[in-house]
Amino acid sequence: MKNTLRTLAAFALAACLVPAAFADEAAIRKSIAERLPNFPKIDEVSKTAIPGIYEVRLGSDIRYTDETGTYLIEGDLVDLRTRTNLTEERVARLTAIDFKELPLKDAMVWKQGTGERKLVVFADPNCSFCKKFERDLQAVKNVTVYTFLYPILGGDSPEKSKAIWCAKDNTKAWRDWMLKGTPADNSPNCDATALQRNYAYGKKHRINGTPGLVFEDGTHRAGAVDTDAIEKLLAGNRAKPQS
């Protein structure tokens, strides 16, 4: 009998707590929608480690609010005990890339040596740092490079990207442009929707600059690095073996 009573009490407590949690989320959504009619769509509301403070997730963007949705906080949440930027960690998880699920059909590919190591590069044809990075890559051994055209710098970047993508041998057209400065020939129109898909994928995963690098373990970073740094990053960010 006592065990039955304890079980009933536990269920009763849970029944009280669960609606409260949902009530907080509903109240937050309602309050923000009423106060900020043009606020982006809220994908998720969840508790943080701080009592009374909630995370409001908008895609991969993070905001914070109180339990009534009266205050909106923009900025990073930092655990001062460990000096950990909790917001950065959360965004990193939200934007993590599964290398095996990358749409490699939308990339140009070249290989050096055995090609056993893999590297993905999001690059703009007008990016001077991308050109330097491409030159430095020539000294890296045993690597397969997948380049996603990512024309985000404006100007004629979209036109150059389309000309390269539509070239008969787009990998050669890309490397001729980046390494030698030889522009791609005006090719006949082709299906260049890959460029739109690249843009959407990059934005979803917060690839906000070029070159944007993605390693086998899903780690990604922005900015060109020299040959020695490339070697270290390739060695330190290999895909983990399946257990």
Protein backbone atom coordinates (compact mmCIF):
# COMPACT_ATOMS: atom_id res chain seq x y z
CA MET A 1 0.00 0.00 0.00
CA LYS A 2 2.82 2.39 0.89
CA ASN A 3 4.56 1.70 -2.42
CA THR A 4 1.31 2.38 -4.26
CA LEU A 5 0.89 5.67 -2.45
CA ARG A 6 4.48 6.68 -3.24
CA THR A 7 3.93 5.88 -6.92
CA LEU A 8 0.71 7.88 -7.02
CA ALA A 9 2.45 10.79 -5.29
CA ALA A 10 5.28 10.69 -7.83
CA PHE A 11 2.81 10.74 -10.72
CA ALA A 12 0.94 13.61 -9.11
CA LEU A 13 4.15 15.61 -8.69
CA ALA A 14 5.12 14.96 -12.30
CA ALA A 15 1.68 16.01 -13.44
CA CYS A 16 2.13 19.30 -11.60
CA LEU A 17 5.62 19.96 -12.93
CA VAL A 18 5.13 19.11 -16.59
CA PRO A 19 2.29 21.59 -17.25
CA ALA A 20 4.33 24.28 -15.49
CA ALA A 21 7.21 23.75 -17.89
CA PHE A 22 4.91 23.88 -20.89
CA ALA A 23 3.20 26.94 -19.42
CA ASP A 24 6.52 28.78 -19.24
CA GLU A 25 7.30 28.00 -22.88
CA ALA A 26 3.81 28.98 -24.01
CA ALA A 27 3.96 32.20 -21.99
CA ILE A 28 7.35 33.09 -23.46
CA ARG A 29 6.23 32.46 -27.04
CA LYS A 30 2.99 34.42 -26.52
CA SER A 31 4.69 37.35 -24.80
CA ILE A 32 7.44 37.73 -27.40
CA ALA A 33 4.96 37.42 -30.29
CA GLU A 34 2.75 40.14 -28.77
CA ARG A 35 5.59 42.52 -27.97
CA LEU A 36 7.65 41.87 -31.12
CA PRO A 37 5.27 41.02 -33.98
CA ASN A 38 8.15 40.88 -36.51
CA PHE A 39 10.33 38.63 -34.37
CA PRO A 40 11.68 35.61 -36.32
CA LYS A 41 10.05 32.22 -35.91
CA ILE A 42 10.99 30.62 -32.59
CA ASP A 43 12.14 27.03 -33.13
CA GLU A 44 12.68 26.07 -29.52
CA VAL A 45 12.39 27.39 -25.98
CA SER A 46 14.39 25.60 -23.29
CA LYS A 47 15.69 26.13 -19.78
CA THR A 48 19.28 27.18 -19.16
CA ALA A 49 21.48 26.39 -16.17
CA ILE A 50 20.41 29.74 -14.68
CA PRO A 51 17.09 29.60 -12.78
CA GLY A 52 14.45 31.70 -14.49
CA ILE A 53 16.47 32.23 -17.68
CA TYR A 54 15.40 30.49 -20.88
CA GLU A 55 17.11 29.95 -24.21
CA VAL A 56 15.17 31.04 -27.29
CA ARG A 57 16.48 29.33 -30.42
CA LEU A 58 15.95 30.85 -33.86
CA GLY A 59 17.52 28.37 -36.25
CA SER A 60 21.14 28.44 -35.10
CA ASP A 61 20.81 31.87 -33.47
CA ILE A 62 20.43 32.05 -29.70
CA ARG A 63 18.69 34.62 -27.54
CA TYR A 64 17.74 34.53 -23.86
CA THR A 65 14.68 35.66 -21.93
CA ASP A 66 13.06 35.45 -18.52
CA GLU A 67 10.26 33.01 -17.68
CA THR A 68 7.56 35.47 -18.71
CA GLY A 69 9.11 36.63 -21.98
CA THR A 70 9.28 40.20 -20.72
CA TYR A 71 13.00 40.73 -21.29
CA LEU A 72 15.10 39.71 -24.29
CA ILE A 73 18.85 39.25 -23.89
CA GLU A 74 21.23 39.28 -26.85
CA GLY A 75 24.78 38.15 -26.14
CA ASP A 76 26.89 35.26 -24.91
CA LEU A 77 26.24 33.24 -21.79
CA VAL A 78 29.58 32.51 -20.10
CA ASP A 79 30.27 30.18 -17.18
CA LEU A 80 32.84 32.21 -15.24
CA ARG A 81 33.86 29.22 -13.13
CA THR A 82 35.21 27.37 -16.14
CA ARG A 83 35.53 30.35 -18.51
CA THR A 84 33.31 28.40 -20.91
CA ASN A 85 31.28 30.29 -23.47
CA LEU A 86 28.05 28.30 -23.26
CA THR A 87 26.47 30.15 -26.17
CA GLU A 88 29.39 29.35 -28.49
CA GLU A 89 29.26 25.69 -27.42
CA ARG A 90 25.54 25.53 -28.13
CA VAL A 91 25.90 27.16 -31.54
CA ALA A 92 28.77 24.81 -32.39
CA ARG A 93 26.52 21.84 -31.65
CA LEU A 94 23.67 23.31 -33.69
CA THR A 95 25.89 24.01 -36.70
CA ALA A 96 28.02 20.86 -36.51
CA ILE A 97 28.61 19.19 -39.87
CA ASP A 98 28.45 15.45 -40.46
CA PHE A 99 31.18 14.98 -43.07
CA LYS A 100 29.46 11.84 -44.39
CA GLU A 101 26.33 13.84 -45.17
CA LEU A 102 28.00 16.69 -47.05
CA PRO A 103 26.46 17.12 -50.54
CA LEU A 104 29.75 16.34 -52.29
CA LYS A 105 28.00 16.16 -55.69
CA ASP A 106 27.89 19.98 -55.52
CA ALA A 107 31.66 20.25 -55.06
CA MET A 108 34.68 20.23 -57.37
CA VAL A 109 37.22 17.55 -56.46
CA TRP A 110 40.95 17.12 -56.85
CA LYS A 111 43.33 14.67 -55.24
CA GLN A 112 46.98 14.65 -54.33
CA GLY A 113 48.93 11.48 -53.57
CA THR A 114 46.79 8.77 -52.00
CA GLY A 115 44.01 11.24 -51.20
CA GLU A 116 43.44 9.42 -47.92
CA ARG A 117 42.84 12.60 -45.94
CA LYS A 118 39.76 14.68 -46.72
CA LEU A 119 39.24 18.43 -46.66
CA VAL A 120 36.26 20.54 -47.69
CA VAL A 121 36.73 24.19 -48.68
CA PHE A 122 34.00 26.77 -49.20
CA ALA A 123 35.58 29.41 -51.42
CA ASP A 124 34.76 32.55 -53.39
CA PRO A 125 36.62 33.10 -56.70
CA ASN A 126 37.29 36.72 -55.73
CA CYS A 127 38.71 35.83 -52.32
CA SER A 128 42.44 36.65 -52.16
CA PHE A 129 42.85 34.54 -49.00
CA CYS A 130 41.28 31.61 -50.87
CA LYS A 131 43.85 32.00 -53.64
CA LYS A 132 46.72 31.94 -51.16
CA PHE A 133 45.19 28.95 -49.42
CA GLU A 134 44.82 27.14 -52.75
CA ARG A 135 48.51 27.72 -53.46
CA ASP A 136 49.51 26.45 -50.01
CA LEU A 137 47.38 23.34 -50.52
CA GLN A 138 49.59 22.30 -53.41
CA ALA A 139 52.30 21.34 -50.93
CA VAL A 140 49.98 19.17 -48.82
CA LYS A 141 50.40 15.45 -49.48
CA ASN A 142 47.84 12.66 -49.59
CA VAL A 143 44.71 14.78 -49.52
CA THR A 144 41.41 14.92 -51.39
CA VAL A 145 40.01 18.44 -51.57
CA TYR A 146 36.32 19.12 -52.16
CA THR A 147 35.70 22.76 -53.12
CA PHE A 148 32.24 24.26 -52.84
CA LEU A 149 31.85 27.46 -54.83
CA TYR A 150 30.55 29.98 -52.31
CA PRO A 151 30.19 33.42 -53.93
CA ILE A 152 29.45 35.65 -50.95
CA LEU A 153 31.79 38.59 -51.58
CA GLY A 154 29.53 40.39 -54.03
CA GLY A 155 30.65 42.02 -57.26
CA ASP A 156 31.03 39.52 -60.08
CA SER A 157 31.61 36.56 -57.75
CA PRO A 158 28.32 34.87 -58.79
CA GLU A 159 29.12 35.26 -62.50
CA LYS A 160 32.66 33.92 -62.09
CA SER A 161 31.39 31.04 -60.00
CA LYS A 162 28.80 30.13 -62.60
CA ALA A 163 31.36 30.27 -65.43
CA ILE A 164 33.69 27.98 -63.48
CA TRP A 165 30.93 25.56 -62.48
CA CYS A 166 29.62 25.31 -66.03
CA ALA A 167 33.07 24.76 -67.58
CA LYS A 168 33.65 21.41 -69.27
CA ASP A 169 36.23 20.59 -66.60
CA ASN A 170 35.20 22.78 -63.70
CA THR A 171 37.95 21.57 -61.38
CA LYS A 172 40.59 22.59 -63.94
CA ALA A 173 38.78 25.90 -64.55
CA TRP A 174 38.79 26.56 -60.81
CA ARG A 175 42.47 25.77 -60.33
CA ASP A 176 43.50 27.69 -63.44
CA TRP A 177 41.74 30.76 -62.07
CA MET A 178 42.95 30.44 -58.50
CA LEU A 179 46.55 29.45 -59.24
CA LYS A 180 47.25 31.15 -62.57
CA GLY A 181 44.64 33.90 -62.83
CA THR A 182 43.28 32.40 -66.06
CA PRO A 183 39.57 33.20 -66.24
CA ALA A 184 37.09 30.51 -67.20
CA ASP A 185 35.77 30.61 -70.76
CA ASN A 186 32.23 31.75 -71.26
CA SER A 187 30.53 28.39 -71.13
CA PRO A 188 26.99 27.62 -72.26
CA ASN A 189 24.39 27.84 -69.56
CA CYS A 190 24.17 24.80 -67.33
CA ASP A 191 22.28 23.80 -64.21
CA ALA A 192 23.99 26.06 -61.67
CA THR A 193 21.50 25.53 -58.85
CA ALA A 194 24.37 23.91 -56.94
CA LEU A 195 25.57 27.43 -56.16
CA GLN A 196 22.26 28.21 -54.47
CA ARG A 197 22.41 24.97 -52.52
CA ASN A 198 25.98 25.75 -51.44
CA TYR A 199 24.89 29.17 -50.22
CA ALA A 200 21.96 27.74 -48.25
CA TYR A 201 24.11 24.99 -46.73
CA GLY A 202 26.88 27.40 -45.76
CA LYS A 203 24.48 29.82 -44.10
CA LYS A 204 22.74 27.03 -42.21
CA HIS A 205 26.08 25.90 -40.77
CA ARG A 206 27.40 29.42 -40.17
CA ILE A 207 30.16 29.40 -42.73
CA ASN A 208 30.37 33.17 -42.72
CA GLY A 209 33.74 33.72 -44.37
CA THR A 210 35.99 32.30 -47.03
CA PRO A 211 37.86 30.11 -47.12
CA GLY A 212 35.58 28.06 -44.90
CA LEU A 213 37.25 24.78 -43.96
CA VAL A 214 35.54 21.56 -42.91
CA PHE A 215 37.52 18.59 -41.61
CA GLU A 216 36.66 14.91 -41.46
CA ASP A 217 35.47 15.03 -37.85
CA GLY A 218 32.98 17.79 -38.73
CA THR A 219 35.09 20.58 -37.24
CA HIS A 220 34.88 23.75 -39.28
CA ARG A 221 36.74 27.02 -39.14
CA ALA A 222 37.05 30.20 -41.17
CA GLY A 223 40.20 31.67 -42.64
CA ALA A 224 43.28 30.69 -44.57
CA VAL A 225 46.13 28.88 -42.81
CA ASP A 226 49.61 28.03 -44.05
CA THR A 227 50.89 24.61 -45.08
CA ASP A 228 52.19 23.63 -41.64
CA ALA A 229 48.91 24.58 -40.01
CA ILE A 230 46.94 22.67 -42.65
CA GLU A 231 49.00 19.56 -41.90
CA LYS A 232 48.37 19.88 -38.16
CA LEU A 233 44.65 20.46 -38.65
CA LEU A 234 44.32 17.50 -41.01
CA ALA A 235 46.15 15.28 -38.52
CA GLY A 236 44.21 16.51 -35.50
CA ASN A 237 40.74 16.48 -37.04
CA ARG A 238 40.56 13.02 -38.62
CA ALA A 239 37.30 11.13 -38.56
CA LYS A 240 37.04 8.87 -35.52
CA PRO A 241 37.02 5.14 -36.36
CA GLN A 242 33.67 3.38 -36.05
CA SER A 243 33.41 1.35 -32.85
